C-alpha atoms as a PDB file:
ATOM      1  CA  MET A   1      18.399  33.011  80.758  1.00  0.00           C
ATOM      2  CA  LYS A   2      19.605  34.439  77.448  1.00  0.00           C
ATOM      3  CA  THR A   3      22.292  31.736  77.061  1.00  0.00           C
ATOM      4  CA  ASN A   4      19.766  28.928  77.571  1.00  0.00           C
ATOM      5  CA  ARG A   5      17.497  30.405  74.923  1.00  0.00           C
ATOM      6  CA  PHE A   6      20.440  30.724  72.533  1.00  0.00           C
ATOM      7  CA  TRP A   7      21.198  26.970  72.797  1.00  0.00           C
ATOM      8  CA  ILE A   8      17.545  26.050  72.362  1.00  0.00           C
ATOM      9  CA  GLU A   9      17.403  28.168  69.201  1.00  0.00           C
ATOM     10  CA  ILE A  10      20.587  26.530  67.865  1.00  0.00           C
ATOM     11  CA  LEU A  11      19.153  23.042  68.514  1.00  0.00           C
ATOM     12  CA  ALA A  12      15.841  23.964  66.865  1.00  0.00           C
ATOM     13  CA  LEU A  13      17.633  25.380  63.821  1.00  0.00           C
ATOM     14  CA  GLY A  14      19.846  22.273  63.521  1.00  0.00           C
ATOM     15  CA  SER A  15      16.840  19.975  63.798  1.00  0.00           C
ATOM     16  CA  SER A  16      14.959  21.950  61.158  1.00  0.00           C
ATOM     17  CA  ILE A  17      17.886  21.767  58.742  1.00  0.00           C
ATOM     18  CA  ALA A  18      18.267  18.013  59.341  1.00  0.00           C
ATOM     19  CA  CYS A  19      14.557  17.431  58.661  1.00  0.00           C
ATOM     20  CA  ALA A  20      14.693  19.544  55.494  1.00  0.00           C
ATOM     21  CA  LEU A  21      17.717  17.610  54.203  1.00  0.00           C
ATOM     22  CA  ALA A  22      16.052  14.268  54.980  1.00  0.00           C
ATOM     23  CA  LEU A  23      12.946  15.352  53.078  1.00  0.00           C
ATOM     24  CA  LEU A  24      15.057  16.495  50.124  1.00  0.00           C
ATOM     25  CA  ILE A  25      16.972  13.205  49.981  1.00  0.00           C
ATOM     26  CA  ALA A  26      13.737  11.182  50.190  1.00  0.00           C
ATOM     27  CA  THR A  27      12.188  13.247  47.388  1.00  0.00           C
ATOM     28  CA  LEU A  28      15.228  12.819  45.151  1.00  0.00           C
ATOM     29  CA  GLY A  29      15.279   9.073  45.860  1.00  0.00           C
ATOM     30  CA  THR A  30      11.607   8.743  44.964  1.00  0.00           C
ATOM     31  CA  ALA A  31      12.142  10.714  41.764  1.00  0.00           C
ATOM     32  CA  ALA A  32      15.091   8.486  40.811  1.00  0.00           C
ATOM     33  CA  VAL A  33      12.989   5.352  41.371  1.00  0.00           C
ATOM     34  CA  ALA A  34      10.138   6.763  39.283  1.00  0.00           C
ATOM     35  CA  VAL A  35      12.439   7.675  36.401  1.00  0.00           C
ATOM     36  CA  GLY A  36      14.882   4.781  36.300  1.00  0.00           C
ATOM     37  CA  GLY A  37      13.370   2.037  38.421  1.00  0.00           C
ATOM     38  CA  PRO A  38      15.645   0.194  40.859  1.00  0.00           C
ATOM     39  CA  SER A  39      14.598  -3.357  40.151  1.00  0.00           C
ATOM     40  CA  GLU A  40      12.365  -5.752  38.320  1.00  0.00           C
ATOM     41  CA  SER A  41       9.349  -4.746  40.364  1.00  0.00           C
ATOM     42  CA  GLY A  42       9.492  -1.025  39.957  1.00  0.00           C
ATOM     43  CA  GLN A  43       9.400  -0.645  43.686  1.00  0.00           C
ATOM     44  CA  ALA A  44      12.202  -0.621  46.180  1.00  0.00           C
ATOM     45  CA  ASP A  45      11.474  -4.118  47.374  1.00  0.00           C
ATOM     46  CA  SER A  46      13.473  -6.265  49.747  1.00  0.00           C
ATOM     47  CA  ARG A  47      14.238  -9.045  47.288  1.00  0.00           C
ATOM     48  CA  ALA A  48      17.893  -9.210  46.363  1.00  0.00           C
ATOM     49  CA  ALA A  49      18.793  -9.011  42.710  1.00  0.00           C
ATOM     50  CA  GLU A  50      19.981 -12.261  41.251  1.00  0.00           C
ATOM     51  CA  PRO A  51      23.567 -12.349  40.087  1.00  0.00           C
ATOM     52  CA  VAL A  52      23.996 -12.063  36.337  1.00  0.00           C
ATOM     53  CA  PRO A  53      25.739 -15.141  34.959  1.00  0.00           C
ATOM     54  CA  ALA A  54      28.853 -14.780  32.840  1.00  0.00           C
ATOM     55  CA  LYS A  55      28.085 -14.215  29.185  1.00  0.00           C
ATOM     56  CA  ASP A  56      28.989 -17.246  27.159  1.00  0.00           C
ATOM     57  CA  SER A  57      27.788 -18.267  23.710  1.00  0.00           C
ATOM     58  CA  SER A  58      25.102 -20.627  25.073  1.00  0.00           C
ATOM     59  CA  SER A  59      23.451 -17.952  27.238  1.00  0.00           C
ATOM     60  CA  LEU A  60      22.932 -15.643  24.251  1.00  0.00           C
ATOM     61  CA  ARG A  61      20.648 -18.064  22.413  1.00  0.00           C
ATOM     62  CA  PRO A  62      16.927 -17.286  22.407  1.00  0.00           C
ATOM     63  CA  GLN A  63      14.962 -19.325  24.919  1.00  0.00           C
ATOM     64  CA  THR A  64      11.234 -19.825  25.381  1.00  0.00           C
ATOM     65  CA  ARG A  65       9.464 -19.079  28.656  1.00  0.00           C
ATOM     66  CA  GLU A  66       5.753 -19.344  29.319  1.00  0.00           C
ATOM     67  CA  GLY A  67       3.813 -17.552  32.011  1.00  0.00           C
ATOM     68  CA  MET A  68       1.636 -14.584  32.879  1.00  0.00           C
ATOM     69  CA  VAL A  69       2.578 -11.226  31.324  1.00  0.00           C
ATOM     70  CA  THR A  70       1.935  -8.667  34.023  1.00  0.00           C
ATOM     71  CA  CYS A  71       3.413  -5.536  35.555  1.00  0.00           C
ATOM     72  CA  SER A  72       6.278  -5.234  37.999  1.00  0.00           C
ATOM     73  CA  ARG A  73       4.042  -3.414  40.472  1.00  0.00           C
ATOM     74  CA  CYS A  74       1.285  -6.003  40.926  1.00  0.00           C
ATOM     75  CA  GLY A  75       2.971  -9.226  39.838  1.00  0.00           C
ATOM     76  CA  ALA A  76       0.508 -12.081  39.398  1.00  0.00           C
ATOM     77  CA  LYS A  77      -1.887 -10.680  42.012  1.00  0.00           C
ATOM     78  CA  HIS A  78      -3.915  -7.758  40.717  1.00  0.00           C
ATOM     79  CA  SER A  79      -6.242  -6.182  43.257  1.00  0.00           C
ATOM     80  CA  ALA A  80      -9.874  -7.105  42.675  1.00  0.00           C
ATOM     81  CA  ASP A  81     -10.873  -4.003  44.664  1.00  0.00           C
ATOM     82  CA  LEU A  82      -9.926  -1.787  41.730  1.00  0.00           C
ATOM     83  CA  GLY A  83     -12.646  -3.301  39.556  1.00  0.00           C
ATOM     84  CA  LYS A  84     -10.300  -3.731  36.604  1.00  0.00           C
ATOM     85  CA  THR A  85      -9.266  -6.747  34.610  1.00  0.00           C
ATOM     86  CA  ALA A  86      -5.677  -7.980  34.819  1.00  0.00           C
ATOM     87  CA  ARG A  87      -5.150  -6.628  31.304  1.00  0.00           C
ATOM     88  CA  ASP A  88      -6.361  -3.108  32.200  1.00  0.00           C
ATOM     89  CA  CYS A  89      -4.465  -3.081  35.498  1.00  0.00           C
ATOM     90  CA  THR A  90      -1.232  -4.161  33.786  1.00  0.00           C
ATOM     91  CA  ARG A  91      -1.566  -1.559  31.060  1.00  0.00           C
ATOM     92  CA  GLN A  92      -2.313   1.210  33.561  1.00  0.00           C
ATOM     93  CA  CYS A  93       0.616   0.250  35.807  1.00  0.00           C
ATOM     94  CA  VAL A  94       3.032   0.151  32.850  1.00  0.00           C
ATOM     95  CA  GLN A  95       1.761   3.524  31.667  1.00  0.00           C
ATOM     96  CA  GLY A  96       2.424   4.783  35.203  1.00  0.00           C
ATOM     97  CA  GLY A  97       6.071   3.696  35.152  1.00  0.00           C
ATOM     98  CA  SER A  98       6.141  -0.026  35.966  1.00  0.00           C
ATOM     99  CA  THR A  99       7.742  -2.502  33.611  1.00  0.00           C
ATOM    100  CA  PHE A 100       6.316  -5.585  31.963  1.00  0.00           C
ATOM    101  CA  THR A 101       7.217  -8.827  33.705  1.00  0.00           C
ATOM    102  CA  LEU A 102       6.662 -12.509  33.075  1.00  0.00           C
ATOM    103  CA  VAL A 103       5.636 -14.593  36.075  1.00  0.00           C
ATOM    104  CA  ASP A 104       6.582 -18.221  35.476  1.00  0.00           C
ATOM    105  CA  GLY A 105       5.742 -20.191  38.618  1.00  0.00           C
ATOM    106  CA  ASP A 106       7.866 -18.732  41.403  1.00  0.00           C
ATOM    107  CA  LYS A 107      10.262 -17.022  38.964  1.00  0.00           C
ATOM    108  CA  THR A 108       9.726 -13.461  37.717  1.00  0.00           C
ATOM    109  CA  TYR A 109      11.477 -12.055  34.648  1.00  0.00           C
ATOM    110  CA  ARG A 110      11.649  -8.411  33.593  1.00  0.00           C
ATOM    111  CA  LEU A 111      10.670  -8.074  29.924  1.00  0.00           C
ATOM    112  CA  ASP A 112      12.645  -5.753  27.651  1.00  0.00           C
ATOM    113  CA  GLY A 113      11.326  -5.341  24.135  1.00  0.00           C
ATOM    114  CA  ASP A 114       8.646  -3.781  21.978  1.00  0.00           C
ATOM    115  CA  VAL A 115       6.120  -2.244  24.390  1.00  0.00           C
ATOM    116  CA  GLN A 116       3.313  -2.345  21.798  1.00  0.00           C
ATOM    117  CA  LEU A 117       3.884  -6.074  21.304  1.00  0.00           C
ATOM    118  CA  LEU A 118       3.809  -6.682  25.066  1.00  0.00           C
ATOM    119  CA  ARG A 119       0.650  -4.545  25.501  1.00  0.00           C
ATOM    120  CA  LYS A 120      -1.233  -6.989  23.250  1.00  0.00           C
ATOM    121  CA  VAL A 121      -0.688  -9.869  25.699  1.00  0.00           C
ATOM    122  CA  ALA A 122      -0.856  -7.832  28.920  1.00  0.00           C
ATOM    123  CA  GLY A 123      -2.653  -9.711  31.688  1.00  0.00           C
ATOM    124  CA  GLN A 124      -2.662 -12.994  29.735  1.00  0.00           C
ATOM    125  CA  ARG A 125      -0.680 -16.224  29.692  1.00  0.00           C
ATOM    126  CA  ALA A 126       1.866 -15.995  26.907  1.00  0.00           C
ATOM    127  CA  ARG A 127       4.840 -17.727  25.366  1.00  0.00           C
ATOM    128  CA  VAL A 128       7.825 -15.363  25.297  1.00  0.00           C
ATOM    129  CA  VAL A 129      10.898 -15.989  23.151  1.00  0.00           C
ATOM    130  CA  GLY A 130      14.072 -14.054  23.821  1.00  0.00           C
ATOM    131  CA  VAL A 131      17.555 -13.975  25.252  1.00  0.00           C
ATOM    132  CA  VAL A 132      17.545 -14.595  29.012  1.00  0.00           C
ATOM    133  CA  GLN A 133      20.190 -12.722  30.987  1.00  0.00           C
ATOM    134  CA  GLY A 134      19.780 -13.125  34.727  1.00  0.00           C
ATOM    135  CA  ASN A 135      16.210 -12.113  35.542  1.00  0.00           C
ATOM    136  CA  THR A 136      15.704 -10.139  32.303  1.00  0.00           C
ATOM    137  CA  ILE A 137      14.404 -11.406  28.986  1.00  0.00           C
ATOM    138  CA  ASN A 138      15.239  -9.390  25.868  1.00  0.00           C
ATOM    139  CA  VAL A 139      12.050 -10.261  24.007  1.00  0.00           C
ATOM    140  CA  SER A 140      12.153 -11.138  20.320  1.00  0.00           C
ATOM    141  CA  SER A 141       8.581 -12.500  20.003  1.00  0.00           C
ATOM    142  CA  VAL A 142       5.449 -12.974  22.090  1.00  0.00           C
ATOM    143  CA  ALA A 143       2.382 -15.098  21.476  1.00  0.00           C
ATOM    144  CA  ALA A 144      -0.677 -15.600  23.666  1.00  0.00           C
ATOM    145  CA  SER A 145      -0.970 -19.138  25.067  1.00  0.00           C
ATOM    146  CA  SER A 146      -4.165 -21.051  24.639  1.00  0.00           C
END
């Protein structure tokens, strides 16, 4: 009977160690996502990242895009259950670690640039001017659309 108990204890110990390691890896992964962000949405979503085109002289020219300035967490659909405006929701999400994004139809761009400038047009339609590289816009200027 002692040998059976010994194997049960070994299996229980191994299972406990495996669970502890899985929890540690999940915690480290969550911390890495919160600090660095894996994608344009700030969440580990299932959308594949678009390939970045080769850098040529024409792709480095500023371009204009128009759309809704929002956060990577909510996109263009802010929850009405929260009782907040799109502007307040966007600002709160960005303060919590999300990034600013521009939703232009079915295309979403991550916005890199002056955060204070982007906060002014948060939750609004805006015209964004900047260098587009893949799904990221390096913002040089922003103006609210009318």
